[in-house]
């Protein structure tokens, strides 16, 4: 069973924050190095993780809206998203 974030060690938070940042970088968002073991502005690793996850969610929504014609964008942004969300919530609980 996968451990939830509340149970993660500091190192696990750092690894997860890096993974999400890498996903954003792959999508074209270039984020500054500022995690606790990097130079730059200091925020907690959990703050970075939360911020990166929110940015990834927003990035995905914008890509759906920008790249898919209607009605596919609307259907993908609602019906397909909701079905994936239900599936993922079932998997990680």
C-alpha atoms as a PDB file:
ATOM      1  CA  UNK A   1       0.000   0.000   0.000  1.00  0.00           C
ATOM      2  CA  UNK A   2       1.281   3.421  -0.957  1.00  0.00           C
ATOM      3  CA  UNK A   3       1.953   5.822   1.900  1.00  0.00           C
ATOM      4  CA  UNK A   4       0.106   9.125   1.892  1.00  0.00           C
ATOM      5  CA  UNK A   5       1.905  12.462   2.013  1.00  0.00           C
ATOM      6  CA  UNK A   6       1.092  12.979   5.675  1.00  0.00           C
ATOM      7  CA  UNK A   7       3.325   9.984   6.413  1.00  0.00           C
ATOM      8  CA  UNK A   8       6.222  11.005   4.151  1.00  0.00           C
ATOM      9  CA  UNK A   9       9.679  11.751   5.473  1.00  0.00           C
ATOM     10  CA  UNK A  10      11.372  15.042   4.567  1.00  0.00           C
ATOM     11  CA  UNK A  11      13.328  13.208   1.884  1.00  0.00           C
ATOM     12  CA  UNK A  12      10.151  11.742   0.383  1.00  0.00           C
ATOM     13  CA  UNK A  13       8.548  15.218   0.266  1.00  0.00           C
ATOM     14  CA  UNK A  14      11.649  16.476  -1.512  1.00  0.00           C
ATOM     15  CA  UNK A  15      11.596  13.601  -4.033  1.00  0.00           C
ATOM     16  CA  UNK A  16       7.907  14.141  -4.787  1.00  0.00           C
ATOM     17  CA  UNK A  17       8.343  17.903  -5.183  1.00  0.00           C
ATOM     18  CA  UNK A  18      11.178  17.271  -7.647  1.00  0.00           C
ATOM     19  CA  UNK A  19       9.035  14.822  -9.641  1.00  0.00           C
ATOM     20  CA  UNK A  20       6.214  17.327 -10.020  1.00  0.00           C
ATOM     21  CA  UNK A  21       8.683  20.096 -10.905  1.00  0.00           C
ATOM     22  CA  UNK A  22      10.206  17.821 -13.562  1.00  0.00           C
ATOM     23  CA  UNK A  23       6.742  17.245 -15.044  1.00  0.00           C
ATOM     24  CA  UNK A  24       6.207  21.008 -15.224  1.00  0.00           C
ATOM     25  CA  UNK A  25       9.607  21.479 -16.832  1.00  0.00           C
ATOM     26  CA  UNK A  26       8.754  18.828 -19.433  1.00  0.00           C
ATOM     27  CA  UNK A  27       5.619  20.863 -20.236  1.00  0.00           C
ATOM     28  CA  UNK A  28       7.621  24.059 -20.706  1.00  0.00           C
ATOM     29  CA  UNK A  29       7.401  25.702 -17.274  1.00  0.00           C
ATOM     30  CA  UNK A  30      10.885  26.570 -16.066  1.00  0.00           C
ATOM     31  CA  UNK A  31      10.877  26.836 -12.289  1.00  0.00           C
ATOM     32  CA  UNK A  32      13.747  28.220 -10.239  1.00  0.00           C
ATOM     33  CA  UNK A  33      15.843  25.952  -8.066  1.00  0.00           C
ATOM     34  CA  UNK A  34      14.641  26.767  -4.578  1.00  0.00           C
ATOM     35  CA  UNK A  35      14.003  23.512  -2.749  1.00  0.00           C
ATOM     36  CA  UNK A  36      15.618  23.202   0.690  1.00  0.00           C
ATOM     37  CA  UNK A  37      18.852  21.666  -0.624  1.00  0.00           C
ATOM     38  CA  UNK A  38      19.133  24.148  -3.534  1.00  0.00           C
ATOM     39  CA  UNK A  39      20.134  27.815  -3.730  1.00  0.00           C
ATOM     40  CA  UNK A  40      17.343  30.374  -3.830  1.00  0.00           C
ATOM     41  CA  UNK A  41      14.292  31.535  -1.941  1.00  0.00           C
ATOM     42  CA  UNK A  42      13.329  29.296   0.947  1.00  0.00           C
ATOM     43  CA  UNK A  43       9.914  27.768   1.373  1.00  0.00           C
ATOM     44  CA  UNK A  44       9.115  24.491   3.001  1.00  0.00           C
ATOM     45  CA  UNK A  45       9.245  21.416   0.801  1.00  0.00           C
ATOM     46  CA  UNK A  46       5.536  20.856   1.427  1.00  0.00           C
ATOM     47  CA  UNK A  47       4.805  24.423   0.261  1.00  0.00           C
ATOM     48  CA  UNK A  48       6.759  23.775  -2.919  1.00  0.00           C
ATOM     49  CA  UNK A  49       4.973  20.474  -3.458  1.00  0.00           C
ATOM     50  CA  UNK A  50       1.537  22.086  -3.028  1.00  0.00           C
ATOM     51  CA  UNK A  51       2.441  24.976  -5.323  1.00  0.00           C
ATOM     52  CA  UNK A  52       3.886  22.695  -8.009  1.00  0.00           C
ATOM     53  CA  UNK A  53       0.840  20.386  -7.917  1.00  0.00           C
ATOM     54  CA  UNK A  54      -1.523  23.354  -8.291  1.00  0.00           C
ATOM     55  CA  UNK A  55       0.554  24.691 -11.167  1.00  0.00           C
ATOM     56  CA  UNK A  56       0.541  21.263 -12.863  1.00  0.00           C
ATOM     57  CA  UNK A  57      -3.247  21.057 -12.562  1.00  0.00           C
ATOM     58  CA  UNK A  58      -3.608  24.556 -14.057  1.00  0.00           C
ATOM     59  CA  UNK A  59      -1.137  23.738 -16.839  1.00  0.00           C
ATOM     60  CA  UNK A  60      -3.128  20.621 -17.781  1.00  0.00           C
ATOM     61  CA  UNK A  61      -6.390  22.598 -17.878  1.00  0.00           C
ATOM     62  CA  UNK A  62      -4.878  25.299 -20.094  1.00  0.00           C
ATOM     63  CA  UNK A  63      -3.475  22.674 -22.477  1.00  0.00           C
ATOM     64  CA  UNK A  64      -6.907  21.068 -22.742  1.00  0.00           C
ATOM     65  CA  UNK A  65      -8.539  24.433 -23.459  1.00  0.00           C
ATOM     66  CA  UNK A  66      -5.835  25.560 -25.880  1.00  0.00           C
ATOM     67  CA  UNK A  67      -5.108  22.391 -27.812  1.00  0.00           C
ATOM     68  CA  UNK A  68      -8.444  20.608 -28.120  1.00  0.00           C
ATOM     69  CA  UNK A  69     -11.315  21.878 -30.239  1.00  0.00           C
ATOM     70  CA  UNK A  70     -14.826  22.043 -28.851  1.00  0.00           C
ATOM     71  CA  UNK A  71     -16.630  19.900 -27.830  1.00  0.00           C
ATOM     72  CA  UNK A  72     -13.572  17.734 -27.044  1.00  0.00           C
ATOM     73  CA  UNK A  73     -12.067  20.341 -24.726  1.00  0.00           C
ATOM     74  CA  UNK A  74     -15.254  20.609 -22.679  1.00  0.00           C
ATOM     75  CA  UNK A  75     -15.778  16.839 -22.561  1.00  0.00           C
ATOM     76  CA  UNK A  76     -12.138  16.186 -21.656  1.00  0.00           C
ATOM     77  CA  UNK A  77     -12.109  18.950 -19.066  1.00  0.00           C
ATOM     78  CA  UNK A  78     -15.184  17.567 -17.329  1.00  0.00           C
ATOM     79  CA  UNK A  79     -16.295  14.020 -18.112  1.00  0.00           C
ATOM     80  CA  UNK A  80     -12.888  12.473 -18.818  1.00  0.00           C
ATOM     81  CA  UNK A  81     -11.239  14.412 -15.981  1.00  0.00           C
ATOM     82  CA  UNK A  82     -13.919  13.355 -13.504  1.00  0.00           C
ATOM     83  CA  UNK A  83     -13.649   9.689 -14.481  1.00  0.00           C
ATOM     84  CA  UNK A  84      -9.852   9.760 -14.109  1.00  0.00           C
ATOM     85  CA  UNK A  85     -10.173  11.562 -10.781  1.00  0.00           C
ATOM     86  CA  UNK A  86     -12.534   8.899  -9.440  1.00  0.00           C
ATOM     87  CA  UNK A  87     -10.217   6.133 -10.673  1.00  0.00           C
ATOM     88  CA  UNK A  88      -7.112   7.747  -9.153  1.00  0.00           C
ATOM     89  CA  UNK A  89      -8.848   8.398  -5.831  1.00  0.00           C
ATOM     90  CA  UNK A  90      -9.857   4.746  -5.703  1.00  0.00           C
ATOM     91  CA  UNK A  91      -6.287   3.615  -6.434  1.00  0.00           C
ATOM     92  CA  UNK A  92      -4.519   5.769  -3.851  1.00  0.00           C
ATOM     93  CA  UNK A  93      -6.824   5.186  -0.888  1.00  0.00           C
END
